[in-house]
């Protein structure tokens, strides 16, 4: 049994099936596994060859000594190289983003680290949006810096002038090999223009030219499709909305077959792939992802409206509320299909006020992470972004009074009631 991409049809008559329909069967046929309607869990380290000749041929393909028939599935050798659960999962992940290929990892940070290590070498420079997820920030500023890789930032939400200036600063340090962005930014929800980044990367030229990599965790893969706006690579913490139940950790990178092939090769030698059980859980989650993300998005619109009208809330950062920023509104209209379900807001009273609110929540859980069925709230300045220097947090708009809220699938009225009673404590 292999995930071959043609396990079931993608059309009915002349109608192209939508991703939410293909999530049930794509890349798998029940007859491959004793009629099991769902892909089984292939909890095995190694796979038996039919003949020694077959084993030799499989290794020649895996080592790049022989070209594989693109219509035939790769031979199964060892689960660090490939596994049916991961193959089917990777094929289904490509559907929402319209990618040629995907590679899955044992965490979002594993996906990011393996991708950066695939394409960056000592002396190279990365231009990146700010703020970034804390782990990504540490990787760029501290770990990769030790290998002679430089990073130059620009504020998410800034205009083309700031991005051009960042490119100029980076160019003075060495060859620019990657433009890496999170959009919306974590936790400020500021948007970065993916098309502009792609235009600048192509104009930069070079051999190779800079790649554009987008962490699409906050909105994707439902509400934003970076590849369609010129990005080369899309990264996910699958832990979040794709997994969606706060019960697994995984990541992914999607893009062209050539780029993902290079990432996949390094993944083999670093051993950063995810496991069959997690792959199976993610296939389960993909079937309901659209339902969950749609419910979360609708709930978040109601919650954001409540917060925006509350006397103790000083500021609401939410992609659905961009009334005063024409530049951000234009990016949102062109790039995003919906505002998602992540809200950041400032309350009165600084850190003490934020802590009073967080400690008073009863339905919303006080925890980091996001995208699960349950609503979660956290304090970025002292939790997810605590490694940043205070002046850097202030420069990027991460205040001591900020609370980040990931809206779940509970009843929106109940969420609002919980926030209302918690705000009474501020």
Foldseek 3Di string as FASTA:
>chain_A
DAQQQPQDDQADVPRGHALLVCLQTGRHHCVVPVNPSADDQPQDFFDDDPDPVRVVVLVCCLVVVDPDDSRDGRDTGGVLQHDRLQRNLFSSVCRLQVFATKAKFQALLLAVVLLCVLFDAAQEEEEEEPDAFLSVVCCQPPVVVVRNYYYFYFYAQDDPVRVVVSVVVRVVRGHYAEYEYEALHPPQNRGDQLLSVLVVQVVSCDVHTHAYEYADAQAPDNWFRSVVSRHAKYKYFCCALLLAANPGHMMMMGHYPVSVVSSSSSSSVVSGGHHSVVSSSSSVSNNCSVVWFVLLQVLQVVLQVLLVPDPFWDDKRWLVPPVPPPVRVVSCVVTTRGGTRKMKTFGPDFLVLQVLLQVQFDQEHDDDGARHQGKYKYQCCVPRPVVDDPVSCVVNVRTSRMMMMHGHNDDSVVVNVRSVVSNVRD
